[in-house]
């Protein structure tokens, strides 16, 4: 268990190493392509479903305000940051559409791991990931078509069907397995984060290897745009969430959720619905940057989390006493 946890925590390092290898020698990872990428994402989402129960969705009742704030920031901040950066950096159309697409994706499962490492609010993180993932079935096609439709013909219905296939079906199967096959899911659950790390690394490295020439051609503009997307997401997520909730732990959790996207979903949607393969490149690079930024924040926030939790508990206790009086 400790070994699995150690390997999983090294997720950003594995993605970075694989990406560098793929840039140097693309065939080392480009073999993982086509249907393998779709299957890989399906397994990741199935793994997410296996870790969820009906009670995870019922948590919304406990803190609807926090969840609503997080969901609104996820789909209200990121798509428009992506759209703004695509114009600010004057990206070529395929890369601009790809940036808007990944910005319109829901939070990724890696955010739950980062929230755990940062000692943030893991139940809130899991709930937000679940809710935004389900809403993405409609939200991701909608925002992509709305913001990228002026650049290229966006197959909104095709995006919708693809999103249903790679999110709704595997997550639903996972939740059902968790309920009706508890012994099996209990046995495989500890390994699912590692499985997700392996497949995300393969997906990212494959796309980077396949788009090597375009990445080198786009150069600093593409790198800066993707980095700015996630840096802006983490920053705006934290600032706005703190203004709304006045709670540091909640603000950190929402910041992680907003800043980290389901880049694997972006890759699959781009490859399945756009003729130009370059559209998938921003999603691949996105996975690398949001993982590196999130890991740094987790290391910084972990040190002070306990102090904030003590203050938070005292405040909640005070509120209970005041309400009882």
C-alpha atoms as a PDB file:
ATOM      1  CA  UNK A   1       0.000   0.000   0.000  1.00  0.00           C
ATOM      2  CA  UNK A   2       2.813   2.403   0.877  1.00  0.00           C
ATOM      3  CA  UNK A   3       4.565   1.592  -2.393  1.00  0.00           C
ATOM      4  CA  UNK A   4       1.378   2.229  -4.390  1.00  0.00           C
ATOM      5  CA  UNK A   5       0.848   5.506  -2.562  1.00  0.00           C
ATOM      6  CA  UNK A   6       4.461   6.572  -3.161  1.00  0.00           C
ATOM      7  CA  UNK A   7       4.261   5.830  -6.888  1.00  0.00           C
ATOM      8  CA  UNK A   8       0.917   7.626  -7.180  1.00  0.00           C
ATOM      9  CA  UNK A   9       2.289  10.741  -5.471  1.00  0.00           C
ATOM     10  CA  UNK A  10       5.020  10.864  -8.088  1.00  0.00           C
ATOM     11  CA  UNK A  11       2.380  11.438 -10.797  1.00  0.00           C
ATOM     12  CA  UNK A  12       3.748  14.818 -12.015  1.00  0.00           C
ATOM     13  CA  UNK A  13       7.270  13.386 -12.263  1.00  0.00           C
ATOM     14  CA  UNK A  14       6.108  10.392 -14.321  1.00  0.00           C
ATOM     15  CA  UNK A  15       4.169  12.644 -16.700  1.00  0.00           C
ATOM     16  CA  UNK A  16       7.137  15.000 -17.077  1.00  0.00           C
ATOM     17  CA  UNK A  17       9.640  12.183 -17.683  1.00  0.00           C
ATOM     18  CA  UNK A  18       7.375  10.415 -20.186  1.00  0.00           C
ATOM     19  CA  UNK A  19       6.697  13.695 -22.008  1.00  0.00           C
ATOM     20  CA  UNK A  20      10.408  14.448 -22.364  1.00  0.00           C
ATOM     21  CA  UNK A  21      11.096  10.930 -23.630  1.00  0.00           C
ATOM     22  CA  UNK A  22       8.225  11.208 -26.096  1.00  0.00           C
ATOM     23  CA  UNK A  23       9.506  14.532 -27.413  1.00  0.00           C
ATOM     24  CA  UNK A  24      12.974  13.050 -27.874  1.00  0.00           C
ATOM     25  CA  UNK A  25      11.767   9.771 -29.388  1.00  0.00           C
ATOM     26  CA  UNK A  26       8.029   9.795 -30.269  1.00  0.00           C
ATOM     27  CA  UNK A  27       7.721   6.061 -31.153  1.00  0.00           C
ATOM     28  CA  UNK A  28       8.361   5.206 -27.512  1.00  0.00           C
ATOM     29  CA  UNK A  29       4.780   6.263 -26.722  1.00  0.00           C
ATOM     30  CA  UNK A  30       2.918   6.904 -29.977  1.00  0.00           C
ATOM     31  CA  UNK A  31       2.050   3.199 -30.147  1.00  0.00           C
ATOM     32  CA  UNK A  32      -0.560   4.016 -27.492  1.00  0.00           C
ATOM     33  CA  UNK A  33      -3.059   5.619 -29.856  1.00  0.00           C
ATOM     34  CA  UNK A  34      -6.489   5.340 -31.462  1.00  0.00           C
ATOM     35  CA  UNK A  35      -8.932   3.192 -29.518  1.00  0.00           C
ATOM     36  CA  UNK A  36      -6.322   2.538 -26.825  1.00  0.00           C
ATOM     37  CA  UNK A  37      -6.636   6.158 -25.685  1.00  0.00           C
ATOM     38  CA  UNK A  38     -10.426   5.923 -25.491  1.00  0.00           C
ATOM     39  CA  UNK A  39     -10.212   2.610 -23.620  1.00  0.00           C
ATOM     40  CA  UNK A  40      -7.605   4.070 -21.263  1.00  0.00           C
ATOM     41  CA  UNK A  41      -9.826   7.011 -20.355  1.00  0.00           C
ATOM     42  CA  UNK A  42     -12.776   4.651 -19.932  1.00  0.00           C
ATOM     43  CA  UNK A  43     -10.759   2.624 -17.421  1.00  0.00           C
ATOM     44  CA  UNK A  44      -9.811   5.815 -15.556  1.00  0.00           C
ATOM     45  CA  UNK A  45     -13.468   6.872 -15.324  1.00  0.00           C
ATOM     46  CA  UNK A  46     -14.483   3.346 -14.311  1.00  0.00           C
ATOM     47  CA  UNK A  47     -11.914   3.572 -11.537  1.00  0.00           C
ATOM     48  CA  UNK A  48     -13.439   6.850 -10.438  1.00  0.00           C
ATOM     49  CA  UNK A  49     -16.868   5.245 -10.374  1.00  0.00           C
ATOM     50  CA  UNK A  50     -15.571   2.363  -8.261  1.00  0.00           C
ATOM     51  CA  UNK A  51     -14.465   4.851  -5.582  1.00  0.00           C
ATOM     52  CA  UNK A  52     -17.893   6.530  -5.459  1.00  0.00           C
ATOM     53  CA  UNK A  53     -21.069   5.650  -3.620  1.00  0.00           C
ATOM     54  CA  UNK A  54     -24.540   7.105  -3.602  1.00  0.00           C
ATOM     55  CA  UNK A  55     -23.581   8.828  -0.338  1.00  0.00           C
ATOM     56  CA  UNK A  56     -20.915  10.811  -2.166  1.00  0.00           C
ATOM     57  CA  UNK A  57     -23.635  12.500  -4.172  1.00  0.00           C
ATOM     58  CA  UNK A  58     -25.745  13.007  -1.056  1.00  0.00           C
ATOM     59  CA  UNK A  59     -22.962  15.147   0.400  1.00  0.00           C
ATOM     60  CA  UNK A  60     -24.304  17.959  -1.737  1.00  0.00           C
ATOM     61  CA  UNK A  61     -27.097  18.300   0.814  1.00  0.00           C
ATOM     62  CA  UNK A  62     -24.568  18.937   3.588  1.00  0.00           C
ATOM     63  CA  UNK A  63     -22.832  21.882   1.947  1.00  0.00           C
ATOM     64  CA  UNK A  64     -24.793  22.929  -1.156  1.00  0.00           C
ATOM     65  CA  UNK A  65     -23.350  26.448  -1.069  1.00  0.00           C
ATOM     66  CA  UNK A  66     -19.759  25.251  -1.298  1.00  0.00           C
ATOM     67  CA  UNK A  67     -20.508  22.769  -4.051  1.00  0.00           C
ATOM     68  CA  UNK A  68     -22.539  25.320  -6.022  1.00  0.00           C
ATOM     69  CA  UNK A  69     -19.751  27.894  -5.702  1.00  0.00           C
ATOM     70  CA  UNK A  70     -17.176  25.377  -6.891  1.00  0.00           C
ATOM     71  CA  UNK A  71     -19.239  24.161  -9.838  1.00  0.00           C
ATOM     72  CA  UNK A  72     -20.036  27.709 -10.975  1.00  0.00           C
ATOM     73  CA  UNK A  73     -16.352  28.659 -10.795  1.00  0.00           C
ATOM     74  CA  UNK A  74     -15.348  25.497 -12.678  1.00  0.00           C
ATOM     75  CA  UNK A  75     -17.565  26.208 -15.665  1.00  0.00           C
ATOM     76  CA  UNK A  76     -17.774  29.979 -15.222  1.00  0.00           C
ATOM     77  CA  UNK A  77     -14.060  30.766 -14.948  1.00  0.00           C
ATOM     78  CA  UNK A  78     -12.051  28.198 -16.892  1.00  0.00           C
ATOM     79  CA  UNK A  79     -13.816  28.270 -20.297  1.00  0.00           C
ATOM     80  CA  UNK A  80     -13.577  32.054 -20.485  1.00  0.00           C
ATOM     81  CA  UNK A  81      -9.933  32.087 -19.356  1.00  0.00           C
ATOM     82  CA  UNK A  82      -9.218  29.583 -22.143  1.00  0.00           C
ATOM     83  CA  UNK A  83     -11.067  31.694 -24.705  1.00  0.00           C
ATOM     84  CA  UNK A  84      -9.276  34.881 -23.591  1.00  0.00           C
ATOM     85  CA  UNK A  85      -5.832  33.284 -23.698  1.00  0.00           C
ATOM     86  CA  UNK A  86      -6.432  31.773 -27.143  1.00  0.00           C
ATOM     87  CA  UNK A  87      -6.926  35.303 -28.477  1.00  0.00           C
ATOM     88  CA  UNK A  88      -4.283  36.947 -26.293  1.00  0.00           C
ATOM     89  CA  UNK A  89      -1.576  34.575 -27.537  1.00  0.00           C
ATOM     90  CA  UNK A  90      -2.981  34.515 -31.074  1.00  0.00           C
ATOM     91  CA  UNK A  91      -2.852  30.725 -31.245  1.00  0.00           C
ATOM     92  CA  UNK A  92      -3.486  28.936 -34.551  1.00  0.00           C
ATOM     93  CA  UNK A  93      -7.085  27.766 -34.842  1.00  0.00           C
ATOM     94  CA  UNK A  94      -6.539  24.063 -33.994  1.00  0.00           C
ATOM     95  CA  UNK A  95      -4.544  24.947 -30.867  1.00  0.00           C
ATOM     96  CA  UNK A  96      -7.012  27.681 -29.866  1.00  0.00           C
ATOM     97  CA  UNK A  97      -9.951  25.284 -30.143  1.00  0.00           C
ATOM     98  CA  UNK A  98      -8.005  22.668 -28.201  1.00  0.00           C
ATOM     99  CA  UNK A  99      -7.273  25.159 -25.427  1.00  0.00           C
ATOM    100  CA  UNK A 100     -10.932  26.167 -25.177  1.00  0.00           C
ATOM    101  CA  UNK A 101     -11.965  22.508 -25.193  1.00  0.00           C
ATOM    102  CA  UNK A 102      -9.732  21.483 -22.283  1.00  0.00           C
ATOM    103  CA  UNK A 103     -10.754  24.647 -20.407  1.00  0.00           C
ATOM    104  CA  UNK A 104     -14.377  23.535 -20.765  1.00  0.00           C
ATOM    105  CA  UNK A 105     -13.717  20.073 -19.331  1.00  0.00           C
ATOM    106  CA  UNK A 106     -14.674  19.108 -15.762  1.00  0.00           C
ATOM    107  CA  UNK A 107     -12.280  18.569 -12.888  1.00  0.00           C
ATOM    108  CA  UNK A 108     -10.110  15.474 -13.099  1.00  0.00           C
ATOM    109  CA  UNK A 109      -9.770  12.577 -10.674  1.00  0.00           C
ATOM    110  CA  UNK A 110      -6.192  13.642  -9.911  1.00  0.00           C
ATOM    111  CA  UNK A 111      -7.656  16.619  -8.042  1.00  0.00           C
ATOM    112  CA  UNK A 112      -8.951  14.254  -5.354  1.00  0.00           C
ATOM    113  CA  UNK A 113      -5.434  12.905  -4.804  1.00  0.00           C
ATOM    114  CA  UNK A 114      -3.991  16.436  -4.650  1.00  0.00           C
ATOM    115  CA  UNK A 115      -6.702  17.519  -2.183  1.00  0.00           C
ATOM    116  CA  UNK A 116      -5.739  14.573   0.017  1.00  0.00           C
ATOM    117  CA  UNK A 117      -2.034  15.467  -0.149  1.00  0.00           C
ATOM    118  CA  UNK A 118      -2.764  19.148   0.563  1.00  0.00           C
ATOM    119  CA  UNK A 119      -4.974  18.211   3.544  1.00  0.00           C
ATOM    120  CA  UNK A 120      -7.857  20.030   1.910  1.00  0.00           C
ATOM    121  CA  UNK A 121     -11.541  19.023   2.058  1.00  0.00           C
ATOM    122  CA  UNK A 122     -11.477  15.626   0.320  1.00  0.00           C
ATOM    123  CA  UNK A 123     -15.246  14.933   0.558  1.00  0.00           C
ATOM    124  CA  UNK A 124     -15.917  18.318  -1.050  1.00  0.00           C
ATOM    125  CA  UNK A 125     -13.315  17.547  -3.728  1.00  0.00           C
ATOM    126  CA  UNK A 126     -14.881  14.165  -4.523  1.00  0.00           C
ATOM    127  CA  UNK A 127     -18.364  15.687  -4.625  1.00  0.00           C
ATOM    128  CA  UNK A 128     -17.271  18.518  -6.923  1.00  0.00           C
ATOM    129  CA  UNK A 129     -15.463  16.138  -9.258  1.00  0.00           C
ATOM    130  CA  UNK A 130     -18.548  13.915  -9.423  1.00  0.00           C
ATOM    131  CA  UNK A 131     -20.972  16.773 -10.032  1.00  0.00           C
ATOM    132  CA  UNK A 132     -18.855  18.592 -12.630  1.00  0.00           C
ATOM    133  CA  UNK A 133     -18.147  15.300 -14.390  1.00  0.00           C
ATOM    134  CA  UNK A 134     -21.857  14.606 -14.781  1.00  0.00           C
ATOM    135  CA  UNK A 135     -22.634  18.203 -15.769  1.00  0.00           C
ATOM    136  CA  UNK A 136     -19.841  18.044 -18.337  1.00  0.00           C
ATOM    137  CA  UNK A 137     -22.007  15.782 -20.470  1.00  0.00           C
ATOM    138  CA  UNK A 138     -23.844  18.958 -21.494  1.00  0.00           C
ATOM    139  CA  UNK A 139     -21.549  21.757 -20.274  1.00  0.00           C
ATOM    140  CA  UNK A 140     -18.376  20.781 -22.144  1.00  0.00           C
ATOM    141  CA  UNK A 141     -20.023  20.625 -25.598  1.00  0.00           C
ATOM    142  CA  UNK A 142     -22.006  23.798 -24.846  1.00  0.00           C
ATOM    143  CA  UNK A 143     -19.059  25.994 -23.815  1.00  0.00           C
ATOM    144  CA  UNK A 144     -16.795  24.622 -26.532  1.00  0.00           C
ATOM    145  CA  UNK A 145     -19.377  25.388 -29.204  1.00  0.00           C
ATOM    146  CA  UNK A 146     -20.177  28.783 -27.679  1.00  0.00           C
ATOM    147  CA  UNK A 147     -16.583  29.984 -27.404  1.00  0.00           C
ATOM    148  CA  UNK A 148     -14.866  28.173 -30.283  1.00  0.00           C
ATOM    149  CA  UNK A 149     -17.727  28.147 -32.784  1.00  0.00           C
ATOM    150  CA  UNK A 150     -16.498  31.334 -34.442  1.00  0.00           C
ATOM    151  CA  UNK A 151     -13.175  29.671 -35.297  1.00  0.00           C
ATOM    152  CA  UNK A 152     -14.237  26.253 -36.531  1.00  0.00           C
ATOM    153  CA  UNK A 153     -17.346  24.140 -36.959  1.00  0.00           C
ATOM    154  CA  UNK A 154     -17.766  22.538 -33.534  1.00  0.00           C
ATOM    155  CA  UNK A 155     -19.693  19.225 -33.594  1.00  0.00           C
ATOM    156  CA  UNK A 156     -21.602  19.892 -30.373  1.00  0.00           C
ATOM    157  CA  UNK A 157     -23.805  16.801 -30.681  1.00  0.00           C
ATOM    158  CA  UNK A 158     -20.780  14.634 -31.419  1.00  0.00           C
ATOM    159  CA  UNK A 159     -19.057  16.029 -28.334  1.00  0.00           C
ATOM    160  CA  UNK A 160     -22.169  15.269 -26.315  1.00  0.00           C
ATOM    161  CA  UNK A 161     -22.311  11.629 -27.487  1.00  0.00           C
ATOM    162  CA  UNK A 162     -18.594  11.143 -26.883  1.00  0.00           C
ATOM    163  CA  UNK A 163     -18.880  12.625 -23.406  1.00  0.00           C
ATOM    164  CA  UNK A 164     -21.735  10.281 -22.541  1.00  0.00           C
ATOM    165  CA  UNK A 165     -19.700   7.307 -23.729  1.00  0.00           C
ATOM    166  CA  UNK A 166     -16.505   8.118 -21.867  1.00  0.00           C
ATOM    167  CA  UNK A 167     -18.022   9.588 -18.679  1.00  0.00           C
ATOM    168  CA  UNK A 168     -21.580   8.510 -17.954  1.00  0.00           C
ATOM    169  CA  UNK A 169     -21.313   4.852 -18.910  1.00  0.00           C
ATOM    170  CA  UNK A 170     -18.037   3.885 -17.160  1.00  0.00           C
ATOM    171  CA  UNK A 171     -18.759   5.971 -14.044  1.00  0.00           C
ATOM    172  CA  UNK A 172     -22.237   4.450 -13.754  1.00  0.00           C
ATOM    173  CA  UNK A 173     -20.825   0.942 -14.146  1.00  0.00           C
ATOM    174  CA  UNK A 174     -18.233   1.731 -11.474  1.00  0.00           C
ATOM    175  CA  UNK A 175     -20.840   3.001  -9.007  1.00  0.00           C
ATOM    176  CA  UNK A 176     -23.004  -0.088  -9.612  1.00  0.00           C
ATOM    177  CA  UNK A 177     -19.994  -2.366  -9.118  1.00  0.00           C
ATOM    178  CA  UNK A 178     -19.210  -0.594  -5.870  1.00  0.00           C
ATOM    179  CA  UNK A 179     -22.743  -1.246  -4.664  1.00  0.00           C
ATOM    180  CA  UNK A 180     -23.370  -4.783  -5.871  1.00  0.00           C
ATOM    181  CA  UNK A 181     -19.826  -6.207  -5.929  1.00  0.00           C
ATOM    182  CA  UNK A 182     -18.410  -4.698  -2.716  1.00  0.00           C
ATOM    183  CA  UNK A 183     -15.797  -7.404  -2.109  1.00  0.00           C
ATOM    184  CA  UNK A 184     -14.353  -7.084  -5.588  1.00  0.00           C
ATOM    185  CA  UNK A 185     -14.314  -3.288  -5.559  1.00  0.00           C
ATOM    186  CA  UNK A 186     -12.770  -3.254  -2.083  1.00  0.00           C
ATOM    187  CA  UNK A 187      -9.958  -5.433  -3.402  1.00  0.00           C
ATOM    188  CA  UNK A 188      -9.230  -3.338  -6.511  1.00  0.00           C
ATOM    189  CA  UNK A 189      -9.917   0.134  -5.096  1.00  0.00           C
ATOM    190  CA  UNK A 190      -6.425   0.697  -3.628  1.00  0.00           C
ATOM    191  CA  UNK A 191      -4.853   0.111  -7.047  1.00  0.00           C
ATOM    192  CA  UNK A 192      -7.157   2.423  -9.015  1.00  0.00           C
ATOM    193  CA  UNK A 193      -5.206   5.666  -8.409  1.00  0.00           C
ATOM    194  CA  UNK A 194      -2.068   3.969  -9.743  1.00  0.00           C
ATOM    195  CA  UNK A 195      -3.992   2.644 -12.753  1.00  0.00           C
ATOM    196  CA  UNK A 196      -5.207   6.189 -13.437  1.00  0.00           C
ATOM    197  CA  UNK A 197      -1.641   7.528 -13.195  1.00  0.00           C
ATOM    198  CA  UNK A 198      -0.377   4.915 -15.671  1.00  0.00           C
ATOM    199  CA  UNK A 199      -3.060   5.568 -18.272  1.00  0.00           C
ATOM    200  CA  UNK A 200      -2.924   9.366 -17.943  1.00  0.00           C
ATOM    201  CA  UNK A 201       0.850   9.215 -18.416  1.00  0.00           C
ATOM    202  CA  UNK A 202       0.475   7.028 -21.507  1.00  0.00           C
ATOM    203  CA  UNK A 203      -2.228   9.283 -22.972  1.00  0.00           C
ATOM    204  CA  UNK A 204      -0.255  12.486 -22.404  1.00  0.00           C
ATOM    205  CA  UNK A 205       3.030  11.089 -23.728  1.00  0.00           C
ATOM    206  CA  UNK A 206       1.319   9.618 -26.776  1.00  0.00           C
ATOM    207  CA  UNK A 207      -0.312  12.905 -27.786  1.00  0.00           C
ATOM    208  CA  UNK A 208       2.852  14.897 -27.147  1.00  0.00           C
ATOM    209  CA  UNK A 209       4.877  12.458 -29.243  1.00  0.00           C
ATOM    210  CA  UNK A 210       2.353  12.527 -32.076  1.00  0.00           C
ATOM    211  CA  UNK A 211       2.255  16.331 -32.063  1.00  0.00           C
ATOM    212  CA  UNK A 212       5.970  16.871 -31.500  1.00  0.00           C
ATOM    213  CA  UNK A 213       6.520  18.994 -34.603  1.00  0.00           C
ATOM    214  CA  UNK A 214       3.492  21.208 -33.889  1.00  0.00           C
ATOM    215  CA  UNK A 215       4.558  21.690 -30.272  1.00  0.00           C
ATOM    216  CA  UNK A 216       8.057  22.755 -31.306  1.00  0.00           C
ATOM    217  CA  UNK A 217       6.606  25.006 -34.003  1.00  0.00           C
ATOM    218  CA  UNK A 218       4.154  26.724 -31.658  1.00  0.00           C
ATOM    219  CA  UNK A 219       6.932  27.102 -29.110  1.00  0.00           C
ATOM    220  CA  UNK A 220       6.616  29.472 -26.198  1.00  0.00           C
ATOM    221  CA  UNK A 221       3.142  30.760 -27.095  1.00  0.00           C
ATOM    222  CA  UNK A 222       1.484  27.362 -26.641  1.00  0.00           C
ATOM    223  CA  UNK A 223       3.434  26.615 -23.453  1.00  0.00           C
ATOM    224  CA  UNK A 224       2.655  30.048 -22.009  1.00  0.00           C
ATOM    225  CA  UNK A 225      -1.051  29.803 -22.903  1.00  0.00           C
ATOM    226  CA  UNK A 226      -1.532  26.408 -21.256  1.00  0.00           C
ATOM    227  CA  UNK A 227       0.479  27.409 -18.184  1.00  0.00           C
ATOM    228  CA  UNK A 228      -1.495  30.659 -17.884  1.00  0.00           C
ATOM    229  CA  UNK A 229      -4.769  28.735 -18.170  1.00  0.00           C
ATOM    230  CA  UNK A 230      -4.033  26.608 -15.122  1.00  0.00           C
ATOM    231  CA  UNK A 231      -2.235  29.286 -13.123  1.00  0.00           C
ATOM    232  CA  UNK A 232      -5.254  31.528 -13.686  1.00  0.00           C
ATOM    233  CA  UNK A 233      -7.622  28.730 -12.710  1.00  0.00           C
ATOM    234  CA  UNK A 234      -5.843  28.026  -9.422  1.00  0.00           C
ATOM    235  CA  UNK A 235      -5.586  31.737  -8.589  1.00  0.00           C
ATOM    236  CA  UNK A 236      -9.126  32.757  -9.535  1.00  0.00           C
ATOM    237  CA  UNK A 237     -10.549  29.612  -7.964  1.00  0.00           C
ATOM    238  CA  UNK A 238      -8.894  30.396  -4.651  1.00  0.00           C
ATOM    239  CA  UNK A 239      -9.590  34.142  -4.548  1.00  0.00           C
ATOM    240  CA  UNK A 240     -13.239  33.933  -5.600  1.00  0.00           C
ATOM    241  CA  UNK A 241     -13.952  30.879  -3.439  1.00  0.00           C
ATOM    242  CA  UNK A 242     -12.490  32.619  -0.383  1.00  0.00           C
ATOM    243  CA  UNK A 243     -14.541  35.740  -1.061  1.00  0.00           C
ATOM    244  CA  UNK A 244     -17.683  33.605  -1.281  1.00  0.00           C
ATOM    245  CA  UNK A 245     -17.059  31.158   1.610  1.00  0.00           C
ATOM    246  CA  UNK A 246     -14.543  32.964   3.851  1.00  0.00           C
ATOM    247  CA  UNK A 247     -13.014  29.550   4.576  1.00  0.00           C
ATOM    248  CA  UNK A 248      -9.371  28.816   3.711  1.00  0.00           C
ATOM    249  CA  UNK A 249      -9.694  25.022   3.460  1.00  0.00           C
ATOM    250  CA  UNK A 250     -12.738  25.314   1.199  1.00  0.00           C
ATOM    251  CA  UNK A 251     -10.983  27.924  -0.948  1.00  0.00           C
ATOM    252  CA  UNK A 252      -7.965  25.649  -1.352  1.00  0.00           C
ATOM    253  CA  UNK A 253     -10.156  22.712  -2.305  1.00  0.00           C
ATOM    254  CA  UNK A 254     -12.095  24.689  -4.901  1.00  0.00           C
ATOM    255  CA  UNK A 255      -8.838  26.158  -6.231  1.00  0.00           C
ATOM    256  CA  UNK A 256      -7.528  22.640  -6.842  1.00  0.00           C
ATOM    257  CA  UNK A 257     -10.778  21.582  -8.507  1.00  0.00           C
ATOM    258  CA  UNK A 258     -10.941  24.634 -10.750  1.00  0.00           C
ATOM    259  CA  UNK A 259      -7.258  24.580 -11.670  1.00  0.00           C
ATOM    260  CA  UNK A 260      -7.101  20.879 -12.551  1.00  0.00           C
ATOM    261  CA  UNK A 261      -8.963  19.705 -15.635  1.00  0.00           C
ATOM    262  CA  UNK A 262      -9.822  16.243 -16.926  1.00  0.00           C
ATOM    263  CA  UNK A 263      -7.200  16.530 -19.652  1.00  0.00           C
ATOM    264  CA  UNK A 264      -7.634  12.921 -20.695  1.00  0.00           C
ATOM    265  CA  UNK A 265     -11.239  13.672 -21.550  1.00  0.00           C
ATOM    266  CA  UNK A 266     -10.078  16.673 -23.576  1.00  0.00           C
ATOM    267  CA  UNK A 267      -7.710  14.450 -25.559  1.00  0.00           C
ATOM    268  CA  UNK A 268     -10.384  11.875 -26.361  1.00  0.00           C
ATOM    269  CA  UNK A 269     -13.002  14.478 -27.306  1.00  0.00           C
ATOM    270  CA  UNK A 270     -10.527  16.313 -29.525  1.00  0.00           C
ATOM    271  CA  UNK A 271      -9.373  13.179 -31.328  1.00  0.00           C
ATOM    272  CA  UNK A 272     -12.903  11.840 -31.745  1.00  0.00           C
ATOM    273  CA  UNK A 273     -14.590  15.005 -32.990  1.00  0.00           C
ATOM    274  CA  UNK A 274     -12.037  17.187 -34.790  1.00  0.00           C
ATOM    275  CA  UNK A 275     -10.288  16.233 -38.009  1.00  0.00           C
ATOM    276  CA  UNK A 276      -7.068  18.042 -37.118  1.00  0.00           C
ATOM    277  CA  UNK A 277      -5.064  15.956 -34.583  1.00  0.00           C
ATOM    278  CA  UNK A 278      -3.316  19.111 -33.382  1.00  0.00           C
ATOM    279  CA  UNK A 279      -6.492  20.018 -31.465  1.00  0.00           C
ATOM    280  CA  UNK A 280      -5.589  17.385 -28.843  1.00  0.00           C
ATOM    281  CA  UNK A 281      -2.160  18.846 -28.041  1.00  0.00           C
ATOM    282  CA  UNK A 282      -3.259  21.542 -25.518  1.00  0.00           C
ATOM    283  CA  UNK A 283      -5.035  18.848 -23.493  1.00  0.00           C
ATOM    284  CA  UNK A 284      -1.885  16.732 -23.375  1.00  0.00           C
ATOM    285  CA  UNK A 285       0.291  19.635 -22.240  1.00  0.00           C
ATOM    286  CA  UNK A 286      -2.452  20.668 -19.824  1.00  0.00           C
ATOM    287  CA  UNK A 287      -2.089  17.449 -17.849  1.00  0.00           C
ATOM    288  CA  UNK A 288       1.597  18.145 -17.293  1.00  0.00           C
ATOM    289  CA  UNK A 289       1.218  21.755 -16.135  1.00  0.00           C
ATOM    290  CA  UNK A 290      -1.772  21.367 -13.843  1.00  0.00           C
ATOM    291  CA  UNK A 291      -0.099  18.403 -12.145  1.00  0.00           C
ATOM    292  CA  UNK A 292       3.134  20.297 -11.519  1.00  0.00           C
ATOM    293  CA  UNK A 293       1.373  23.425 -10.206  1.00  0.00           C
ATOM    294  CA  UNK A 294      -0.998  21.386  -8.031  1.00  0.00           C
ATOM    295  CA  UNK A 295       1.830  19.321  -6.532  1.00  0.00           C
ATOM    296  CA  UNK A 296       3.702  22.486  -5.568  1.00  0.00           C
ATOM    297  CA  UNK A 297       0.590  23.966  -3.962  1.00  0.00           C
ATOM    298  CA  UNK A 298      -0.098  20.704  -2.102  1.00  0.00           C
ATOM    299  CA  UNK A 299       3.393  20.781  -0.603  1.00  0.00           C
ATOM    300  CA  UNK A 300       2.966  24.405   0.490  1.00  0.00           C
ATOM    301  CA  UNK A 301      -0.583  24.095   1.814  1.00  0.00           C
ATOM    302  CA  UNK A 302      -0.015  20.836   3.668  1.00  0.00           C
ATOM    303  CA  UNK A 303       2.216  22.587   6.216  1.00  0.00           C
ATOM    304  CA  UNK A 304      -0.406  25.080   7.347  1.00  0.00           C
ATOM    305  CA  UNK A 305      -3.545  22.965   6.901  1.00  0.00           C
ATOM    306  CA  UNK A 306      -3.711  21.728  10.500  1.00  0.00           C
ATOM    307  CA  UNK A 307      -3.704  25.285  11.915  1.00  0.00           C
ATOM    308  CA  UNK A 308      -6.584  26.288   9.658  1.00  0.00           C
ATOM    309  CA  UNK A 309      -8.507  23.130  10.561  1.00  0.00           C
ATOM    310  CA  UNK A 310      -8.263  23.979  14.276  1.00  0.00           C
ATOM    311  CA  UNK A 311      -9.595  27.488  13.620  1.00  0.00           C
ATOM    312  CA  UNK A 312     -12.324  26.100  11.387  1.00  0.00           C
ATOM    313  CA  UNK A 313     -13.450  23.597  14.044  1.00  0.00           C
ATOM    314  CA  UNK A 314     -13.541  26.292  16.733  1.00  0.00           C
ATOM    315  CA  UNK A 315     -15.621  28.562  14.498  1.00  0.00           C
ATOM    316  CA  UNK A 316     -18.072  25.767  13.692  1.00  0.00           C
ATOM    317  CA  UNK A 317     -18.363  24.915  17.393  1.00  0.00           C
ATOM    318  CA  UNK A 318     -19.026  28.579  18.172  1.00  0.00           C
ATOM    319  CA  UNK A 319     -21.714  28.708  15.538  1.00  0.00           C
ATOM    320  CA  UNK A 320     -23.408  25.648  17.006  1.00  0.00           C
ATOM    321  CA  UNK A 321     -23.433  27.211  20.494  1.00  0.00           C
ATOM    322  CA  UNK A 322     -24.818  30.483  19.117  1.00  0.00           C
ATOM    323  CA  UNK A 323     -27.547  28.677  17.196  1.00  0.00           C
ATOM    324  CA  UNK A 324     -28.542  26.611  20.230  1.00  0.00           C
ATOM    325  CA  UNK A 325     -28.927  29.774  22.273  1.00  0.00           C
END
